[in-house]
Each structure stands twice: as C-alpha cells, then as structure tokens.
C-alpha cells in the first residue's frame, strides 16, 4: 500500500495533476492523471492505494489521453472508425484502450461511419470528377461496410454520373490533340474508366461528346501524323509508298476516307 502525500497541477497543462506518494521509503512522484480521472477516483492527500487501484487509475488515464488525441484528430475533419483506429495504433496505443476510446466516441456521436460515408460521397461529387467505382474503393479503404457504401452512393445517381462524365469528355476534346479521333476516343474511354465510371455509362458519355463529323482538328491531326509517316517512308514511291502510308495512318486510328483525302491532298501539293 502507498499513501498519496501531495497533488500538484502541472505547469504546462493545468488539466493534468502530478501525484506524489510514499510507499514507506519516502515521498516521490508516482504518476500523473487527467482532471476527470482525479475526480472519478476522488484522489486526495492521505488516500491509500493498492496495486490494483493504481493499475485501474493508470488504465483510465491512458483512455483519457488517447481520447484527447482522437478528438484533436477529429477536429481537423470528420473521420471513419478505421481512420481513428489506425491513427491511435500509430501512436502506440494498446488495443483495449483503442476499443474504449472508439466506444466512447460512438456514444457521443463523434464517430459514425454512416454519416461519414454520406458526407464523403457528397464531397467527392461536389469537388471532384471521380466516378462511383473510385469513390466506392476509397470508402472501402477507409473501412466502411459494403451496406453503408451502397446506401451512401445513392447520393450519386446515374444521371449525375453521366453529367460528370460528359463534362470530362467536353474538357478532353477542348484540348489540342495531334491524335486521330479514334485514338482520342480510346484515350477518353481509358480516362473515364480510370476515374471510376462503368463501361455502360462511358459508352453513353462517348456518344454525347465525341465529334460526329470530320473536323478541322481531325484534318490537322492527320496532316501532322502524315508528315511523320512521310519522313519515315519517303524512300519509297508509287504503290509501295501509298500502301505503307495507308497502313501507318490506319494504325493511328484514321478512317480510310480521311487517309485517301490526305494522300490526294499531298499528291496534289507534290506536283
């Protein structure tokens, strides 16, 4: 048994108290506690504490310290339960203490994976052009249950997904390109897939954004690619030259009609 001989407030943190005790060998610093723990155990000068009581006090104080860390972490933004657990584990907090902290945060409504998921989906929809598959994957990585994810993704209905995908497509085709329309279409398809849109929705978005007719940009692209091919095959002539040029430009995604038009244009310029 040891007796509390003195309780002092810490200089740098007035919510924590230093406990001094005498175990028969003289007074010495024993431990420090949070103000809530001090009150809970009614610690005061002259109080006797056995080993079990000391362990319980320390356990409760460790919970308080971990709880304060979690609240500070939550103050920056809303978090998932997994994020809280991962954060506390990185701080070398033991699992029983983490469990107590998570339970307390949930009971105080500071931690709610359902609210987190809905807020996350709304934020992604309002601030990014990510598709539902990417958002779903990110929620999984944050430890959100599949059932909750499905419910939260109701905030991102198909019509809104299509609007987002179409906007991505419009921005894509506004950028200058030296590629054929076919290659640009493939690149946009890959881009939308990487952003997390479904195959079916991508096909609809492509129909609404890919130019339907030959454009000045397409003519400029085949001239650019055609001149590169010409430099490569300029040592050939006649039928052999025409075939190699057609094959090269066809592999670049240009239509036979456009290739014929370019070659006729080039032949006319050469003579």
C-alpha atoms as a PDB file:
ATOM      1  CA  UNK A   1       0.000   0.000   0.000  1.00  0.00           C
ATOM      2  CA  UNK A   2       1.120   3.553  -0.714  1.00  0.00           C
ATOM      3  CA  UNK A   3      -0.257   6.848   0.533  1.00  0.00           C
ATOM      4  CA  UNK A   4      -0.830   9.996  -1.541  1.00  0.00           C
ATOM      5  CA  UNK A   5       1.292  12.733   0.039  1.00  0.00           C
ATOM      6  CA  UNK A   6       0.853  15.567  -2.429  1.00  0.00           C
ATOM      7  CA  UNK A   7      -1.121  16.550  -5.552  1.00  0.00           C
ATOM      8  CA  UNK A   8       0.117  19.387  -7.770  1.00  0.00           C
ATOM      9  CA  UNK A   9      -1.071  20.946 -11.025  1.00  0.00           C
ATOM     10  CA  UNK A  10       1.250  20.579 -13.983  1.00  0.00           C
ATOM     11  CA  UNK A  11       2.750  23.880 -15.107  1.00  0.00           C
ATOM     12  CA  UNK A  12       2.283  23.331 -18.838  1.00  0.00           C
ATOM     13  CA  UNK A  13      -1.106  21.608 -18.630  1.00  0.00           C
ATOM     14  CA  UNK A  14      -3.494  22.736 -15.925  1.00  0.00           C
ATOM     15  CA  UNK A  15      -5.877  19.850 -16.727  1.00  0.00           C
ATOM     16  CA  UNK A  16      -3.310  17.311 -15.523  1.00  0.00           C
ATOM     17  CA  UNK A  17      -2.131  16.634 -11.995  1.00  0.00           C
ATOM     18  CA  UNK A  18       1.067  15.128 -10.581  1.00  0.00           C
ATOM     19  CA  UNK A  19       0.521  12.575  -7.821  1.00  0.00           C
ATOM     20  CA  UNK A  20       3.254  12.068  -5.194  1.00  0.00           C
ATOM     21  CA  UNK A  21       3.170   9.027  -2.903  1.00  0.00           C
ATOM     22  CA  UNK A  22       5.023   7.455  -0.012  1.00  0.00           C
ATOM     23  CA  UNK A  23       5.378   3.664  -0.029  1.00  0.00           C
ATOM     24  CA  UNK A  24       7.379   3.641   3.194  1.00  0.00           C
ATOM     25  CA  UNK A  25      10.616   4.696   1.539  1.00  0.00           C
ATOM     26  CA  UNK A  26       9.894   8.412   1.353  1.00  0.00           C
ATOM     27  CA  UNK A  27       7.863  10.717  -0.850  1.00  0.00           C
ATOM     28  CA  UNK A  28       8.360  10.546  -4.619  1.00  0.00           C
ATOM     29  CA  UNK A  29       6.499  11.273  -7.854  1.00  0.00           C
ATOM     30  CA  UNK A  30       4.216   8.331  -8.668  1.00  0.00           C
ATOM     31  CA  UNK A  31       2.138   9.224 -11.733  1.00  0.00           C
ATOM     32  CA  UNK A  32       0.083  11.941 -13.392  1.00  0.00           C
ATOM     33  CA  UNK A  33      -3.610  11.942 -14.202  1.00  0.00           C
ATOM     34  CA  UNK A  34      -6.239  13.857 -16.127  1.00  0.00           C
ATOM     35  CA  UNK A  35      -8.614  16.056 -14.113  1.00  0.00           C
ATOM     36  CA  UNK A  36     -11.542  13.752 -14.972  1.00  0.00           C
ATOM     37  CA  UNK A  37      -9.647  10.746 -13.623  1.00  0.00           C
ATOM     38  CA  UNK A  38      -8.722  12.676 -10.485  1.00  0.00           C
ATOM     39  CA  UNK A  39     -12.396  13.392  -9.858  1.00  0.00           C
ATOM     40  CA  UNK A  40     -13.613   9.899 -10.831  1.00  0.00           C
ATOM     41  CA  UNK A  41     -11.353   8.184  -8.309  1.00  0.00           C
ATOM     42  CA  UNK A  42     -11.662  11.050  -5.779  1.00  0.00           C
ATOM     43  CA  UNK A  43      -7.902  11.170  -5.380  1.00  0.00           C
ATOM     44  CA  UNK A  44      -6.760  13.299  -2.429  1.00  0.00           C
ATOM     45  CA  UNK A  45      -3.921  13.672   0.037  1.00  0.00           C
ATOM     46  CA  UNK A  46      -3.767  10.871   2.615  1.00  0.00           C
ATOM     47  CA  UNK A  47      -5.573   8.342   0.417  1.00  0.00           C
ATOM     48  CA  UNK A  48      -4.194   4.803   0.358  1.00  0.00           C
ATOM     49  CA  UNK A  49      -3.935   2.953  -2.957  1.00  0.00           C
ATOM     50  CA  UNK A  50      -3.166  -0.722  -3.563  1.00  0.00           C
ATOM     51  CA  UNK A  51      -1.601  -2.156  -6.733  1.00  0.00           C
ATOM     52  CA  UNK A  52      -4.948  -2.970  -8.338  1.00  0.00           C
ATOM     53  CA  UNK A  53      -6.219   0.581  -7.785  1.00  0.00           C
ATOM     54  CA  UNK A  54      -3.027   2.003  -9.304  1.00  0.00           C
ATOM     55  CA  UNK A  55      -3.427  -0.172 -12.405  1.00  0.00           C
ATOM     56  CA  UNK A  56      -7.083   0.855 -12.820  1.00  0.00           C
ATOM     57  CA  UNK A  57      -6.239   4.543 -12.411  1.00  0.00           C
ATOM     58  CA  UNK A  58      -3.456   4.251 -14.994  1.00  0.00           C
ATOM     59  CA  UNK A  59      -5.745   2.422 -17.409  1.00  0.00           C
ATOM     60  CA  UNK A  60      -8.429   5.096 -17.149  1.00  0.00           C
ATOM     61  CA  UNK A  61      -5.858   7.850 -17.565  1.00  0.00           C
ATOM     62  CA  UNK A  62      -4.454   6.159 -20.670  1.00  0.00           C
ATOM     63  CA  UNK A  63      -8.000   6.121 -22.052  1.00  0.00           C
ATOM     64  CA  UNK A  64      -8.349   9.837 -21.371  1.00  0.00           C
ATOM     65  CA  UNK A  65      -5.045  10.626 -23.104  1.00  0.00           C
ATOM     66  CA  UNK A  66      -5.961   8.517 -26.128  1.00  0.00           C
ATOM     67  CA  UNK A  67      -9.427  10.080 -26.200  1.00  0.00           C
ATOM     68  CA  UNK A  68      -7.915  13.590 -26.321  1.00  0.00           C
ATOM     69  CA  UNK A  69      -5.650  12.520 -29.179  1.00  0.00           C
ATOM     70  CA  UNK A  70      -8.644  11.160 -31.097  1.00  0.00           C
ATOM     71  CA  UNK A  71     -10.712  14.316 -30.525  1.00  0.00           C
ATOM     72  CA  UNK A  72      -7.859  16.501 -31.771  1.00  0.00           C
ATOM     73  CA  UNK A  73      -7.585  14.267 -34.842  1.00  0.00           C
ATOM     74  CA  UNK A  74     -11.338  14.564 -35.420  1.00  0.00           C
ATOM     75  CA  UNK A  75     -11.203  18.350 -35.054  1.00  0.00           C
ATOM     76  CA  UNK A  76      -9.494  18.653 -38.428  1.00  0.00           C
ATOM     77  CA  UNK A  77     -12.274  16.830 -40.306  1.00  0.00           C
ATOM     78  CA  UNK A  78     -14.788  14.018 -39.960  1.00  0.00           C
ATOM     79  CA  UNK A  79     -13.162  10.561 -39.779  1.00  0.00           C
ATOM     80  CA  UNK A  80     -14.148   6.917 -40.192  1.00  0.00           C
ATOM     81  CA  UNK A  81     -13.767   4.419 -37.367  1.00  0.00           C
ATOM     82  CA  UNK A  82     -10.872   2.749 -39.200  1.00  0.00           C
ATOM     83  CA  UNK A  83      -9.063   6.068 -39.569  1.00  0.00           C
ATOM     84  CA  UNK A  84      -9.343   6.659 -35.817  1.00  0.00           C
ATOM     85  CA  UNK A  85      -8.131   3.152 -35.036  1.00  0.00           C
ATOM     86  CA  UNK A  86      -5.208   3.429 -37.464  1.00  0.00           C
ATOM     87  CA  UNK A  87      -4.226   6.821 -36.051  1.00  0.00           C
ATOM     88  CA  UNK A  88      -4.220   5.606 -32.456  1.00  0.00           C
ATOM     89  CA  UNK A  89      -2.281   2.473 -33.399  1.00  0.00           C
ATOM     90  CA  UNK A  90       0.396   4.670 -34.959  1.00  0.00           C
ATOM     91  CA  UNK A  91       0.561   6.483 -31.635  1.00  0.00           C
ATOM     92  CA  UNK A  92       1.375   3.113 -29.997  1.00  0.00           C
ATOM     93  CA  UNK A  93      -1.942   2.979 -28.132  1.00  0.00           C
ATOM     94  CA  UNK A  94      -2.860  -0.515 -26.970  1.00  0.00           C
ATOM     95  CA  UNK A  95      -5.923  -2.235 -28.467  1.00  0.00           C
ATOM     96  CA  UNK A  96      -8.039  -2.397 -25.242  1.00  0.00           C
ATOM     97  CA  UNK A  97      -7.627   1.369 -24.834  1.00  0.00           C
ATOM     98  CA  UNK A  98      -8.463   1.998 -28.503  1.00  0.00           C
ATOM     99  CA  UNK A  99     -11.610  -0.074 -28.080  1.00  0.00           C
ATOM    100  CA  UNK A 100     -12.693   2.027 -25.106  1.00  0.00           C
ATOM    101  CA  UNK A 101     -11.996   5.275 -26.968  1.00  0.00           C
ATOM    102  CA  UNK A 102     -13.932   4.175 -30.055  1.00  0.00           C
ATOM    103  CA  UNK A 103     -16.881   3.113 -27.900  1.00  0.00           C
ATOM    104  CA  UNK A 104     -16.926   6.495 -26.166  1.00  0.00           C
ATOM    105  CA  UNK A 105     -16.660   8.449 -29.424  1.00  0.00           C
ATOM    106  CA  UNK A 106     -19.550   6.467 -30.890  1.00  0.00           C
ATOM    107  CA  UNK A 107     -21.726   7.015 -27.827  1.00  0.00           C
ATOM    108  CA  UNK A 108     -21.067  10.768 -28.118  1.00  0.00           C
ATOM    109  CA  UNK A 109     -21.869  10.708 -31.871  1.00  0.00           C
ATOM    110  CA  UNK A 110     -18.358  11.896 -32.721  1.00  0.00           C
ATOM    111  CA  UNK A 111     -17.872   8.733 -34.746  1.00  0.00           C
ATOM    112  CA  UNK A 112     -20.487   7.475 -37.193  1.00  0.00           C
ATOM    113  CA  UNK A 113     -19.444   5.569 -40.318  1.00  0.00           C
ATOM    114  CA  UNK A 114     -22.834   6.050 -41.978  1.00  0.00           C
ATOM    115  CA  UNK A 115     -22.728   9.841 -41.627  1.00  0.00           C
ATOM    116  CA  UNK A 116     -19.093   9.773 -42.698  1.00  0.00           C
ATOM    117  CA  UNK A 117     -19.877   7.827 -45.882  1.00  0.00           C
ATOM    118  CA  UNK A 118     -22.732  10.129 -46.930  1.00  0.00           C
ATOM    119  CA  UNK A 119     -20.597  13.218 -46.280  1.00  0.00           C
ATOM    120  CA  UNK A 120     -17.678  11.683 -48.181  1.00  0.00           C
ATOM    121  CA  UNK A 121     -19.790  10.899 -51.248  1.00  0.00           C
ATOM    122  CA  UNK A 122     -21.306  14.389 -51.279  1.00  0.00           C
ATOM    123  CA  UNK A 123     -17.858  15.970 -51.032  1.00  0.00           C
ATOM    124  CA  UNK A 124     -16.469  13.845 -53.868  1.00  0.00           C
ATOM    125  CA  UNK A 125     -19.457  14.643 -56.081  1.00  0.00           C
ATOM    126  CA  UNK A 126     -19.238  18.383 -55.375  1.00  0.00           C
ATOM    127  CA  UNK A 127     -15.470  18.805 -55.611  1.00  0.00           C
ATOM    128  CA  UNK A 128     -14.136  16.129 -57.999  1.00  0.00           C
ATOM    129  CA  UNK A 129     -14.964  14.340 -61.244  1.00  0.00           C
ATOM    130  CA  UNK A 130     -14.390  10.884 -59.750  1.00  0.00           C
ATOM    131  CA  UNK A 131     -16.806   8.147 -60.721  1.00  0.00           C
ATOM    132  CA  UNK A 132     -18.704   5.832 -58.345  1.00  0.00           C
ATOM    133  CA  UNK A 133     -16.241   2.931 -58.619  1.00  0.00           C
ATOM    134  CA  UNK A 134     -13.319   5.051 -57.380  1.00  0.00           C
ATOM    135  CA  UNK A 135     -15.433   6.564 -54.597  1.00  0.00           C
ATOM    136  CA  UNK A 136     -16.545   3.086 -53.564  1.00  0.00           C
ATOM    137  CA  UNK A 137     -12.946   1.858 -53.470  1.00  0.00           C
ATOM    138  CA  UNK A 138     -11.833   4.821 -51.364  1.00  0.00           C
ATOM    139  CA  UNK A 139     -14.642   4.193 -48.876  1.00  0.00           C
ATOM    140  CA  UNK A 140     -13.617   0.538 -48.635  1.00  0.00           C
ATOM    141  CA  UNK A 141     -10.052   1.617 -47.879  1.00  0.00           C
ATOM    142  CA  UNK A 142     -11.430   3.741 -45.051  1.00  0.00           C
ATOM    143  CA  UNK A 143     -13.094   0.687 -43.546  1.00  0.00           C
ATOM    144  CA  UNK A 144     -16.703   1.496 -44.453  1.00  0.00           C
ATOM    145  CA  UNK A 145     -19.004  -1.529 -44.652  1.00  0.00           C
ATOM    146  CA  UNK A 146     -20.384  -2.557 -48.067  1.00  0.00           C
ATOM    147  CA  UNK A 147     -24.007  -1.992 -46.995  1.00  0.00           C
ATOM    148  CA  UNK A 148     -23.258   1.572 -45.903  1.00  0.00           C
ATOM    149  CA  UNK A 149     -21.322   2.288 -49.110  1.00  0.00           C
ATOM    150  CA  UNK A 150     -24.269   1.203 -51.261  1.00  0.00           C
ATOM    151  CA  UNK A 151     -26.614   3.441 -49.270  1.00  0.00           C
ATOM    152  CA  UNK A 152     -24.257   6.427 -49.463  1.00  0.00           C
ATOM    153  CA  UNK A 153     -23.747   6.086 -53.224  1.00  0.00           C
ATOM    154  CA  UNK A 154     -27.442   6.862 -53.636  1.00  0.00           C
ATOM    155  CA  UNK A 155     -26.188  10.463 -53.319  1.00  0.00           C
ATOM    156  CA  UNK A 156     -24.559   9.950 -56.745  1.00  0.00           C
ATOM    157  CA  UNK A 157     -27.399   8.781 -59.054  1.00  0.00           C
ATOM    158  CA  UNK A 158     -26.721   7.630 -62.675  1.00  0.00           C
ATOM    159  CA  UNK A 159     -27.962  10.878 -64.231  1.00  0.00           C
ATOM    160  CA  UNK A 160     -25.468  12.864 -62.170  1.00  0.00           C
ATOM    161  CA  UNK A 161     -22.725  10.378 -63.037  1.00  0.00           C
ATOM    162  CA  UNK A 162     -23.466  10.923 -66.724  1.00  0.00           C
ATOM    163  CA  UNK A 163     -23.317  14.706 -66.342  1.00  0.00           C
ATOM    164  CA  UNK A 164     -19.906  14.381 -64.706  1.00  0.00           C
ATOM    165  CA  UNK A 165     -18.606  12.001 -67.376  1.00  0.00           C
ATOM    166  CA  UNK A 166     -19.876  14.203 -70.197  1.00  0.00           C
ATOM    167  CA  UNK A 167     -18.165  17.237 -68.656  1.00  0.00           C
ATOM    168  CA  UNK A 168     -14.913  15.279 -68.522  1.00  0.00           C
ATOM    169  CA  UNK A 169     -15.381  14.443 -72.205  1.00  0.00           C
ATOM    170  CA  UNK A 170     -16.076  18.062 -73.183  1.00  0.00           C
ATOM    171  CA  UNK A 171     -12.954  19.250 -71.393  1.00  0.00           C
ATOM    172  CA  UNK A 172     -10.951  16.452 -73.019  1.00  0.00           C
ATOM    173  CA  UNK A 173     -11.944  17.469 -76.559  1.00  0.00           C
ATOM    174  CA  UNK A 174     -11.261  21.148 -75.891  1.00  0.00           C
ATOM    175  CA  UNK A 175      -7.559  20.367 -75.547  1.00  0.00           C
ATOM    176  CA  UNK A 176      -5.493  20.450 -78.765  1.00  0.00           C
ATOM    177  CA  UNK A 177      -4.505  16.982 -79.964  1.00  0.00           C
ATOM    178  CA  UNK A 178      -2.413  15.533 -82.774  1.00  0.00           C
ATOM    179  CA  UNK A 179      -4.171  12.174 -82.461  1.00  0.00           C
ATOM    180  CA  UNK A 180      -6.900  10.795 -84.689  1.00  0.00           C
ATOM    181  CA  UNK A 181     -10.475  10.956 -83.483  1.00  0.00           C
ATOM    182  CA  UNK A 182     -10.405   7.185 -82.956  1.00  0.00           C
ATOM    183  CA  UNK A 183      -7.302   7.368 -80.743  1.00  0.00           C
ATOM    184  CA  UNK A 184      -8.739  10.333 -78.832  1.00  0.00           C
ATOM    185  CA  UNK A 185     -11.911   8.338 -78.244  1.00  0.00           C
ATOM    186  CA  UNK A 186      -9.867   5.429 -76.886  1.00  0.00           C
ATOM    187  CA  UNK A 187      -7.912   7.759 -74.603  1.00  0.00           C
ATOM    188  CA  UNK A 188     -11.093   9.350 -73.276  1.00  0.00           C
ATOM    189  CA  UNK A 189     -12.587   5.900 -72.701  1.00  0.00           C
ATOM    190  CA  UNK A 190      -9.483   4.912 -70.696  1.00  0.00           C
ATOM    191  CA  UNK A 191      -9.570   8.187 -68.778  1.00  0.00           C
ATOM    192  CA  UNK A 192     -13.191   7.727 -67.727  1.00  0.00           C
ATOM    193  CA  UNK A 193     -12.500   4.128 -66.739  1.00  0.00           C
ATOM    194  CA  UNK A 194      -9.585   5.232 -64.541  1.00  0.00           C
ATOM    195  CA  UNK A 195     -11.844   7.824 -62.938  1.00  0.00           C
ATOM    196  CA  UNK A 196     -14.245   5.079 -61.887  1.00  0.00           C
ATOM    197  CA  UNK A 197     -17.138   5.143 -64.372  1.00  0.00           C
ATOM    198  CA  UNK A 198     -18.875   1.980 -65.581  1.00  0.00           C
ATOM    199  CA  UNK A 199     -18.453   0.664 -69.141  1.00  0.00           C
ATOM    200  CA  UNK A 200     -22.120   1.252 -69.957  1.00  0.00           C
ATOM    201  CA  UNK A 201     -22.069   4.852 -68.768  1.00  0.00           C
ATOM    202  CA  UNK A 202     -18.785   5.541 -70.580  1.00  0.00           C
ATOM    203  CA  UNK A 203     -20.318   4.440 -73.881  1.00  0.00           C
ATOM    204  CA  UNK A 204     -23.222   6.853 -73.407  1.00  0.00           C
ATOM    205  CA  UNK A 205     -20.841   9.683 -72.481  1.00  0.00           C
ATOM    206  CA  UNK A 206     -18.746   8.983 -75.587  1.00  0.00           C
ATOM    207  CA  UNK A 207     -21.830   9.225 -77.785  1.00  0.00           C
ATOM    208  CA  UNK A 208     -22.575  12.650 -76.348  1.00  0.00           C
ATOM    209  CA  UNK A 209     -19.049  14.074 -76.516  1.00  0.00           C
ATOM    210  CA  UNK A 210     -17.098  12.541 -79.412  1.00  0.00           C
ATOM    211  CA  UNK A 211     -17.455  14.728 -82.555  1.00  0.00           C
ATOM    212  CA  UNK A 212     -19.690  13.014 -85.134  1.00  0.00           C
ATOM    213  CA  UNK A 213     -18.148  14.571 -88.220  1.00  0.00           C
ATOM    214  CA  UNK A 214     -14.719  15.256 -89.617  1.00  0.00           C
ATOM    215  CA  UNK A 215     -13.375  18.431 -88.050  1.00  0.00           C
ATOM    216  CA  UNK A 216     -10.552  20.854 -88.734  1.00  0.00           C
ATOM    217  CA  UNK A 217      -8.761  19.350 -85.759  1.00  0.00           C
ATOM    218  CA  UNK A 218      -9.012  15.877 -87.315  1.00  0.00           C
ATOM    219  CA  UNK A 219      -7.573  17.189 -90.593  1.00  0.00           C
ATOM    220  CA  UNK A 220      -4.774  18.886 -88.693  1.00  0.00           C
ATOM    221  CA  UNK A 221      -4.064  15.659 -86.811  1.00  0.00           C
ATOM    222  CA  UNK A 222      -3.773  13.511 -89.964  1.00  0.00           C
ATOM    223  CA  UNK A 223      -1.532  16.121 -91.581  1.00  0.00           C
ATOM    224  CA  UNK A 224       0.708  16.026 -88.512  1.00  0.00           C
ATOM    225  CA  UNK A 225       0.828  12.220 -88.381  1.00  0.00           C
ATOM    226  CA  UNK A 226       1.015  12.024 -92.176  1.00  0.00           C
ATOM    227  CA  UNK A 227       4.114  14.193 -92.355  1.00  0.00           C
ATOM    228  CA  UNK A 228       5.783  11.994 -89.714  1.00  0.00           C
ATOM    229  CA  UNK A 229       4.901   8.890 -91.742  1.00  0.00           C
ATOM    230  CA  UNK A 230       6.092  10.553 -94.953  1.00  0.00           C
ATOM    231  CA  UNK A 231       9.523  11.249 -93.460  1.00  0.00           C
ATOM    232  CA  UNK A 232       9.735   7.581 -92.495  1.00  0.00           C
ATOM    233  CA  UNK A 233       8.677   6.208 -95.897  1.00  0.00           C
ATOM    234  CA  UNK A 234       9.930   8.922 -98.250  1.00  0.00           C
ATOM    235  CA  UNK A 235      12.466   6.482 -99.770  1.00  0.00           C
ATOM    236  CA  UNK A 236       9.552   4.503-101.221  1.00  0.00           C
ATOM    237  CA  UNK A 237       7.489   5.505-104.240  1.00  0.00           C
ATOM    238  CA  UNK A 238       4.396   4.609-106.166  1.00  0.00           C
ATOM    239  CA  UNK A 239       2.138   1.824-104.917  1.00  0.00           C
ATOM    240  CA  UNK A 240       4.564   0.727-102.172  1.00  0.00           C
ATOM    241  CA  UNK A 241       4.689   4.265-100.751  1.00  0.00           C
ATOM    242  CA  UNK A 242       0.899   4.577-100.854  1.00  0.00           C
ATOM    243  CA  UNK A 243       0.394   1.247 -99.035  1.00  0.00           C
ATOM    244  CA  UNK A 244       2.896   1.975 -96.296  1.00  0.00           C
ATOM    245  CA  UNK A 245       1.362   5.421 -95.705  1.00  0.00           C
ATOM    246  CA  UNK A 246      -2.142   3.965 -95.572  1.00  0.00           C
ATOM    247  CA  UNK A 247      -1.116   1.244 -93.142  1.00  0.00           C
ATOM    248  CA  UNK A 248       0.712   3.703 -90.869  1.00  0.00           C
ATOM    249  CA  UNK A 249      -2.164   6.181 -90.757  1.00  0.00           C
ATOM    250  CA  UNK A 250      -4.778   3.451 -90.336  1.00  0.00           C
ATOM    251  CA  UNK A 251      -2.878   2.172 -87.279  1.00  0.00           C
ATOM    252  CA  UNK A 252      -3.057   5.718 -85.922  1.00  0.00           C
ATOM    253  CA  UNK A 253      -6.828   5.470 -85.997  1.00  0.00           C
ATOM    254  CA  UNK A 254      -7.738   7.494 -89.081  1.00  0.00           C
ATOM    255  CA  UNK A 255     -10.562   6.410 -91.366  1.00  0.00           C
ATOM    256  CA  UNK A 256      -9.842   5.133 -94.887  1.00  0.00           C
ATOM    257  CA  UNK A 257     -11.801   8.083 -96.310  1.00  0.00           C
ATOM    258  CA  UNK A 258      -9.714  10.621 -94.418  1.00  0.00           C
ATOM    259  CA  UNK A 259      -6.468   8.850 -95.328  1.00  0.00           C
ATOM    260  CA  UNK A 260      -7.429   8.920 -99.015  1.00  0.00           C
ATOM    261  CA  UNK A 261      -8.265  12.596 -98.716  1.00  0.00           C
ATOM    262  CA  UNK A 262      -4.901  13.358 -97.096  1.00  0.00           C
ATOM    263  CA  UNK A 263      -2.902  11.379 -99.690  1.00  0.00           C
ATOM    264  CA  UNK A 264      -4.776  13.073-102.528  1.00  0.00           C
ATOM    265  CA  UNK A 265      -4.048  16.433-100.898  1.00  0.00           C
ATOM    266  CA  UNK A 266      -0.364  15.533-100.566  1.00  0.00           C
ATOM    267  CA  UNK A 267      -0.052  14.219-104.112  1.00  0.00           C
ATOM    268  CA  UNK A 268      -1.614  17.429-105.368  1.00  0.00           C
ATOM    269  CA  UNK A 269       0.841  19.507-103.339  1.00  0.00           C
ATOM    270  CA  UNK A 270       3.823  17.477-104.604  1.00  0.00           C
ATOM    271  CA  UNK A 271       3.021  18.123-108.246  1.00  0.00           C
END
